[in-house]
Amino acid sequence: MKTLIYEISKNNKPVYIGKSKEDCIISRKSKHKKRWGDNITLIIIDEIEGVDKQIWKPLESYWINQYKNWGFNIENKNEGGNGKHATKTVEWKKEYNKKYNEIYNLNKPWRRYYNLEYRQQWHAANPDKQKLYRKKHNEKCRLKKDMN
């Protein structure tokens, strides 16, 4: 299987450099159409035999830097090889996880406390809360399943 390095052009101007496996190139183009519209062209600029990241990652970075050096305003958010996850910083991930955990734990108060002894005391004082939550959740799941 080959790995392809490609250019996405809009109005004959390069806007993005990416990589894809040979058999996924059509789906990559359709995903890029969602961002830049139907009037784009996908041009393969390099081919690598195999899918080893140690080989294609530096090559993708090379092409991104080359296009920037040529003066094109490409919209790659990083220097290549990291995909969509590279745009999320460590601080962003920590903040997102903190917000998610606050929301998640507010909905399930028995998970709010990590101390096993306290959790056992809470369960003893509120024996039905977790059961009621699970019952509501299971009913929602059943309804979704029946609708499908």
Protein backbone atom coordinates (compact mmCIF):
# COMPACT_ATOMS: atom_id res chain seq x y z
CA MET A 1 0.00 0.00 0.00
CA LYS A 2 1.20 3.51 -0.80
CA THR A 3 1.00 6.74 1.15
CA LEU A 4 0.17 9.81 -0.91
CA ILE A 5 1.13 13.42 -0.16
CA TYR A 6 -1.40 15.72 -1.82
CA GLU A 7 -2.25 19.35 -2.38
CA ILE A 8 -5.75 20.80 -2.15
CA SER A 9 -6.21 23.79 -4.46
CA LYS A 10 -9.08 26.23 -4.63
CA ASN A 11 -9.24 28.58 -7.61
CA ASN A 12 -5.84 27.26 -8.74
CA LYS A 13 -4.18 28.32 -5.46
CA PRO A 14 -2.89 25.71 -2.98
CA VAL A 15 -4.70 25.91 0.35
CA TYR A 16 -3.73 22.68 2.12
CA ILE A 17 -1.09 19.93 2.04
CA GLY A 18 -2.03 16.52 3.45
CA LYS A 19 -1.37 12.81 3.34
CA SER A 20 -3.57 9.81 2.83
CA LYS A 21 -3.35 6.12 2.22
CA GLU A 22 -3.83 5.19 -1.40
CA ASP A 23 -7.25 3.60 -0.88
CA CYS A 24 -8.61 6.53 1.21
CA ILE A 25 -7.79 9.43 -1.11
CA ILE A 26 -11.35 9.84 -2.45
CA SER A 27 -12.85 10.07 1.04
CA ARG A 28 -10.20 12.65 1.98
CA LYS A 29 -11.24 14.81 -0.97
CA SER A 30 -14.90 14.63 0.01
CA LYS A 31 -14.01 15.68 3.59
CA HIS A 32 -12.04 18.64 2.25
CA LYS A 33 -15.04 19.65 0.12
CA LYS A 34 -16.98 20.24 3.33
CA ARG A 35 -14.41 22.83 4.40
CA TRP A 36 -13.46 24.53 1.12
CA GLY A 37 -16.49 23.81 -1.09
CA ASP A 38 -17.03 21.74 -4.21
CA ASN A 39 -14.70 23.80 -6.38
CA ILE A 40 -11.44 22.18 -5.20
CA THR A 41 -8.86 20.01 -6.90
CA LEU A 42 -6.73 17.35 -5.31
CA ILE A 43 -3.26 16.95 -6.83
CA ILE A 44 -0.93 14.17 -5.74
CA ILE A 45 2.54 15.65 -5.29
CA ASP A 46 4.42 12.66 -3.87
CA GLU A 47 4.06 8.90 -3.36
CA ILE A 48 5.73 6.75 -0.74
CA GLU A 49 5.77 2.97 -0.79
CA GLY A 50 4.31 1.76 2.52
CA VAL A 51 2.56 3.51 5.39
CA ASP A 52 5.43 3.90 7.88
CA LYS A 53 5.01 7.19 9.75
CA GLN A 54 8.78 7.62 10.07
CA ILE A 55 8.97 7.88 6.28
CA TRP A 56 5.92 9.95 5.33
CA LYS A 57 5.90 12.42 8.24
CA PRO A 58 9.18 14.17 7.31
CA LEU A 59 8.14 14.20 3.66
CA GLU A 60 4.81 15.84 4.46
CA SER A 61 6.63 18.41 6.61
CA TYR A 62 9.04 19.04 3.74
CA TRP A 63 6.19 19.78 1.31
CA ILE A 64 4.38 22.05 3.78
CA ASN A 65 7.56 24.06 4.34
CA GLN A 66 8.33 24.09 0.61
CA TYR A 67 4.92 25.55 -0.25
CA LYS A 68 5.31 28.18 2.49
CA ASN A 69 8.78 29.05 1.15
CA TRP A 70 7.29 29.44 -2.34
CA GLY A 71 4.96 32.06 -0.85
CA PHE A 72 1.67 30.17 -0.82
CA ASN A 73 -0.69 30.88 2.06
CA ILE A 74 -1.58 27.30 2.96
CA GLU A 75 -3.87 26.67 5.92
CA ASN A 76 -2.02 23.81 7.59
CA LYS A 77 -2.13 24.44 11.32
CA ASN A 78 1.10 22.58 12.01
CA GLU A 79 4.25 21.50 10.24
CA GLY A 80 2.83 18.12 9.23
CA GLY A 81 2.27 14.59 10.36
CA ASN A 82 0.01 15.31 13.30
CA GLY A 83 -3.39 15.71 11.71
CA LYS A 84 -6.36 17.29 13.47
CA HIS A 85 -5.07 16.51 16.97
CA ALA A 86 -2.04 18.77 16.68
CA THR A 87 -4.15 21.93 16.94
CA LYS A 88 -5.20 21.07 20.49
CA THR A 89 -2.64 22.18 23.05
CA VAL A 90 -2.02 20.41 26.34
CA GLU A 91 -3.64 23.32 28.18
CA TRP A 92 -6.73 23.07 25.96
CA LYS A 93 -7.01 19.33 26.63
CA LYS A 94 -6.68 19.85 30.39
CA GLU A 95 -9.33 22.56 30.37
CA TYR A 96 -11.66 20.45 28.24
CA ASN A 97 -11.22 17.42 30.52
CA LYS A 98 -11.82 19.58 33.60
CA LYS A 99 -15.09 20.96 32.18
CA TYR A 100 -16.17 17.51 30.99
CA ASN A 101 -15.48 15.95 34.39
CA GLU A 102 -17.38 18.72 36.18
CA ILE A 103 -20.44 18.15 34.01
CA TYR A 104 -20.11 14.38 34.09
CA ASN A 105 -19.67 14.22 37.85
CA LEU A 106 -22.54 16.64 38.56
CA ASN A 107 -24.87 14.29 36.74
CA LYS A 108 -23.57 11.31 38.73
CA PRO A 109 -22.94 12.44 42.29
CA TRP A 110 -21.76 9.01 43.46
CA ARG A 111 -18.70 9.47 41.17
CA ARG A 112 -17.85 12.88 42.50
CA TYR A 113 -15.75 11.49 45.34
CA TYR A 114 -12.78 9.25 44.81
CA ASN A 115 -12.31 8.30 48.44
CA LEU A 116 -13.64 4.76 48.73
CA GLU A 117 -14.75 5.17 52.34
CA TYR A 118 -16.69 8.34 51.57
CA ARG A 119 -18.26 6.74 48.50
CA GLN A 120 -19.47 3.80 50.61
CA GLN A 121 -20.97 6.21 53.14
CA TRP A 122 -22.69 8.14 50.34
CA HIS A 123 -24.14 4.93 48.87
CA ALA A 124 -25.41 3.92 52.30
CA ALA A 125 -27.09 7.33 52.78
CA ASN A 126 -28.49 7.49 49.20
CA PRO A 127 -29.21 3.91 48.18
CA ASP A 128 -31.74 4.69 45.44
CA LYS A 129 -30.11 7.59 43.58
CA GLN A 130 -27.72 5.49 41.51
CA LYS A 131 -30.44 2.93 40.80
CA LEU A 132 -32.85 5.65 39.63
CA TYR A 133 -30.21 7.16 37.35
CA ARG A 134 -29.39 3.77 35.84
CA LYS A 135 -33.08 3.02 35.38
CA LYS A 136 -33.65 6.31 33.49
CA HIS A 137 -30.53 5.74 31.41
CA ASN A 138 -31.55 2.21 30.49
CA GLU A 139 -35.03 3.39 29.49
CA LYS A 140 -33.49 6.01 27.17
CA CYS A 141 -31.27 3.35 25.62
CA ARG A 142 -34.22 1.03 25.09
CA LEU A 143 -36.24 3.81 23.43
CA LYS A 144 -33.37 4.61 21.05
CA LYS A 145 -32.95 0.95 20.26
CA ASP A 146 -36.68 0.53 19.56
CA MET A 147 -36.66 3.57 17.25
CA ASN A 148 -33.86 2.08 15.15
